[in-house]
């Protein structure tokens, strides 16, 4: 079953594996609650980007998480929706999409967020996937069954609402990811879709 999933969704599988491996690394070197530990492993900390030119943090932060619950929910959504989008786009375009939405979300956090807050998580890229699928339910509804269309629209609205309600989540990461998903839909997704 695992090999069958990997064969159909190699990039999604690889991304999940890297996130899981980094969770183990963080756990065994100080834990999720140790902000210094997260920063050492590549968390997005704006002063280190601004003053030390550590731009790689825009990427590395996408593979780190703040708790086991955080990584579980992100990887759960990625397991299903990432796999779906990968099958639509193909593995290499999907990888470009995933990294592109994640980097744009990270940049939104860096440029617009609180410079003293440490940010981690795959949520930006996952919101990008959600945003792209959300647009598809309107522009290409025949790709999905009615149940999925209702589900992805509900998931989008619920997650946007939670972004405004829950103080611990990265507002700019989530909204930046969603908007980048809208943008990259037209650049990367739409050209791959059959009319």
Protein backbone atom coordinates (compact mmCIF):
# COMPACT_ATOMS: atom_id res chain seq x y z
CA UNK A 1 0.00 0.00 0.00
CA UNK A 2 2.80 2.42 0.92
CA UNK A 3 4.74 1.55 -2.24
CA UNK A 4 1.59 1.97 -4.32
CA UNK A 5 1.06 5.46 -2.84
CA UNK A 6 4.72 6.34 -3.48
CA UNK A 7 4.58 5.16 -7.09
CA UNK A 8 1.52 7.31 -7.78
CA UNK A 9 2.67 10.32 -5.73
CA UNK A 10 6.47 10.35 -5.50
CA UNK A 11 6.93 14.07 -4.74
CA UNK A 12 4.18 14.20 -2.14
CA UNK A 13 5.71 11.11 -0.52
CA UNK A 14 9.17 12.71 -0.52
CA UNK A 15 7.90 15.96 0.98
CA UNK A 16 6.06 14.07 3.74
CA UNK A 17 9.18 11.99 4.44
CA UNK A 18 11.42 15.08 4.72
CA UNK A 19 8.95 16.75 7.09
CA UNK A 20 8.76 13.61 9.22
CA UNK A 21 12.55 13.28 9.32
CA UNK A 22 12.95 16.93 10.36
CA UNK A 23 10.35 16.43 13.11
CA UNK A 24 12.45 13.58 14.51
CA UNK A 25 15.60 15.72 14.26
CA UNK A 26 13.95 18.62 16.10
CA UNK A 27 12.53 16.29 18.77
CA UNK A 28 15.90 14.66 19.45
CA UNK A 29 17.89 17.91 19.57
CA UNK A 30 15.83 20.04 21.94
CA UNK A 31 12.18 19.73 21.01
CA UNK A 32 9.53 21.87 19.37
CA UNK A 33 9.14 24.35 22.23
CA UNK A 34 12.82 25.37 22.11
CA UNK A 35 12.83 28.35 19.71
CA UNK A 36 16.63 28.42 19.59
CA UNK A 37 16.57 24.80 18.43
CA UNK A 38 14.06 25.62 15.69
CA UNK A 39 16.11 28.62 14.58
CA UNK A 40 19.26 26.49 14.44
CA UNK A 41 17.47 24.03 12.15
CA UNK A 42 16.31 26.76 9.77
CA UNK A 43 13.15 28.40 11.13
CA UNK A 44 12.10 31.67 9.54
CA UNK A 45 13.43 34.37 11.85
CA UNK A 46 13.33 37.72 10.02
CA UNK A 47 16.36 39.39 11.69
CA UNK A 48 18.62 36.55 10.48
CA UNK A 49 17.39 37.11 6.94
CA UNK A 50 17.64 40.90 7.09
CA UNK A 51 21.00 41.18 8.81
CA UNK A 52 22.71 37.86 7.99
CA UNK A 53 21.30 37.30 4.48
CA UNK A 54 20.07 33.82 5.50
CA UNK A 55 17.51 33.66 2.70
CA UNK A 56 17.56 29.87 2.77
CA UNK A 57 15.24 30.15 5.79
CA UNK A 58 12.36 30.94 3.43
CA UNK A 59 12.75 27.34 2.22
CA UNK A 60 13.91 25.44 5.29
CA UNK A 61 11.09 26.78 7.48
CA UNK A 62 8.64 24.92 5.20
CA UNK A 63 9.99 21.59 6.48
CA UNK A 64 9.87 22.37 10.20
CA UNK A 65 6.90 22.35 12.58
CA UNK A 66 6.04 23.64 16.02
CA UNK A 67 4.47 20.49 17.48
CA UNK A 68 3.46 16.93 16.68
CA UNK A 69 -0.13 18.09 16.21
CA UNK A 70 1.05 20.80 13.80
CA UNK A 71 2.91 18.35 11.58
CA UNK A 72 0.13 15.74 11.81
CA UNK A 73 -2.56 18.09 10.48
CA UNK A 74 -0.32 19.51 7.76
CA UNK A 75 0.83 16.10 6.55
CA UNK A 76 -2.72 14.72 6.71
CA UNK A 77 -3.95 17.40 4.31
CA UNK A 78 -0.84 17.05 2.13
CA UNK A 79 -1.30 13.27 1.97
CA UNK A 80 -4.70 13.68 0.30
CA UNK A 81 -4.75 17.04 -1.46
CA UNK A 82 -1.08 17.11 -2.40
CA UNK A 83 -1.41 13.68 -3.97
CA UNK A 84 -4.46 14.82 -5.93
CA UNK A 85 -2.72 17.90 -7.31
CA UNK A 86 0.43 15.90 -8.08
CA UNK A 87 -1.60 13.47 -10.19
CA UNK A 88 -3.11 16.42 -12.07
CA UNK A 89 0.20 18.25 -12.63
CA UNK A 90 2.81 15.52 -12.77
CA UNK A 91 5.61 15.24 -10.24
CA UNK A 92 7.98 17.98 -11.45
CA UNK A 93 5.37 20.68 -12.03
CA UNK A 94 3.82 19.77 -8.69
CA UNK A 95 7.21 20.18 -6.98
CA UNK A 96 7.61 23.60 -8.62
CA UNK A 97 4.11 24.53 -7.48
CA UNK A 98 4.65 23.31 -3.91
CA UNK A 99 8.00 25.07 -3.48
CA UNK A 100 6.75 28.19 -5.27
CA UNK A 101 3.68 28.65 -3.08
CA UNK A 102 5.69 27.85 0.04
CA UNK A 103 8.42 30.35 -0.80
CA UNK A 104 5.92 33.08 -1.64
CA UNK A 105 4.14 32.43 1.65
CA UNK A 106 7.43 32.56 3.54
CA UNK A 107 8.33 35.83 1.84
CA UNK A 108 4.93 37.27 2.86
CA UNK A 109 5.71 36.33 6.47
CA UNK A 110 9.17 37.91 6.22
CA UNK A 111 7.99 41.10 4.51
CA UNK A 112 4.71 41.70 6.34
CA UNK A 113 4.81 39.76 9.61
CA UNK A 114 6.16 40.56 13.05
CA UNK A 115 9.98 40.63 12.72
CA UNK A 116 10.41 39.13 16.20
CA UNK A 117 8.31 36.02 15.63
CA UNK A 118 9.81 32.64 14.73
CA UNK A 119 7.75 30.92 12.02
CA UNK A 120 7.74 27.28 10.88
CA UNK A 121 5.43 24.98 8.96
CA UNK A 122 4.29 23.67 5.62
CA UNK A 123 1.01 25.58 5.91
CA UNK A 124 1.90 28.17 3.28
CA UNK A 125 2.43 25.54 0.59
CA UNK A 126 -0.60 23.56 1.77
CA UNK A 127 -2.78 26.66 1.60
CA UNK A 128 -1.39 27.10 -1.91
CA UNK A 129 -2.65 23.63 -2.83
CA UNK A 130 -6.03 24.37 -1.25
CA UNK A 131 -6.25 27.69 -3.09
CA UNK A 132 -5.49 26.13 -6.45
CA UNK A 133 -8.01 23.32 -5.98
CA UNK A 134 -10.57 25.87 -4.78
CA UNK A 135 -10.22 27.83 -8.03
CA UNK A 136 -10.47 24.61 -10.01
CA UNK A 137 -13.85 23.82 -8.43
CA UNK A 138 -15.17 26.97 -10.13
CA UNK A 139 -13.18 27.06 -13.37
CA UNK A 140 -12.85 23.31 -14.02
CA UNK A 141 -15.64 21.70 -11.95
CA UNK A 142 -15.88 18.67 -14.22
CA UNK A 143 -12.55 17.44 -12.80
CA UNK A 144 -14.26 16.61 -9.51
CA UNK A 145 -17.41 15.00 -8.16
CA UNK A 146 -19.98 17.22 -6.36
CA UNK A 147 -18.97 15.89 -2.93
CA UNK A 148 -15.32 16.90 -3.44
CA UNK A 149 -16.34 20.33 -4.72
CA UNK A 150 -18.39 20.97 -1.57
CA UNK A 151 -15.59 19.59 0.60
CA UNK A 152 -12.76 21.70 -0.85
CA UNK A 153 -14.87 24.86 -0.76
CA UNK A 154 -15.86 24.20 2.86
CA UNK A 155 -12.24 23.36 3.78
CA UNK A 156 -11.08 26.63 2.24
CA UNK A 157 -13.62 28.78 4.06
CA UNK A 158 -13.08 27.00 7.38
CA UNK A 159 -9.29 27.32 7.20
CA UNK A 160 -9.43 30.99 6.24
CA UNK A 161 -11.82 31.61 9.14
CA UNK A 162 -9.51 29.77 11.56
CA UNK A 163 -6.60 31.86 10.29
CA UNK A 164 -8.41 34.97 11.53
CA UNK A 165 -9.60 33.37 14.78
CA UNK A 166 -6.62 31.39 16.12
CA UNK A 167 -3.82 33.72 17.30
CA UNK A 168 -0.99 31.15 17.11
CA UNK A 169 -1.23 30.54 13.36
CA UNK A 170 0.77 32.53 10.83
CA UNK A 171 -1.75 34.89 9.24
CA UNK A 172 0.60 36.00 6.48
CA UNK A 173 1.82 32.46 5.89
CA UNK A 174 -1.70 31.15 5.41
CA UNK A 175 -3.10 34.04 3.38
CA UNK A 176 0.17 34.39 1.45
CA UNK A 177 0.00 30.69 0.60
CA UNK A 178 -3.64 30.90 -0.46
CA UNK A 179 -3.04 33.89 -2.72
CA UNK A 180 0.10 32.31 -4.19
CA UNK A 181 -2.00 29.22 -4.93
CA UNK A 182 -4.42 31.42 -6.85
CA UNK A 183 -1.53 33.01 -8.75
CA UNK A 184 0.33 29.82 -9.56
CA UNK A 185 -2.91 28.19 -10.67
CA UNK A 186 -2.82 30.42 -13.75
CA UNK A 187 0.94 30.03 -14.27
CA UNK A 188 1.49 26.32 -13.57
CA UNK A 189 -1.82 24.51 -13.17
CA UNK A 190 -4.10 25.87 -15.85
CA UNK A 191 -1.67 25.18 -18.74
CA UNK A 192 -1.55 21.51 -17.67
CA UNK A 193 -5.32 21.01 -17.67
CA UNK A 194 -7.26 19.61 -20.58
CA UNK A 195 -10.09 21.82 -21.83
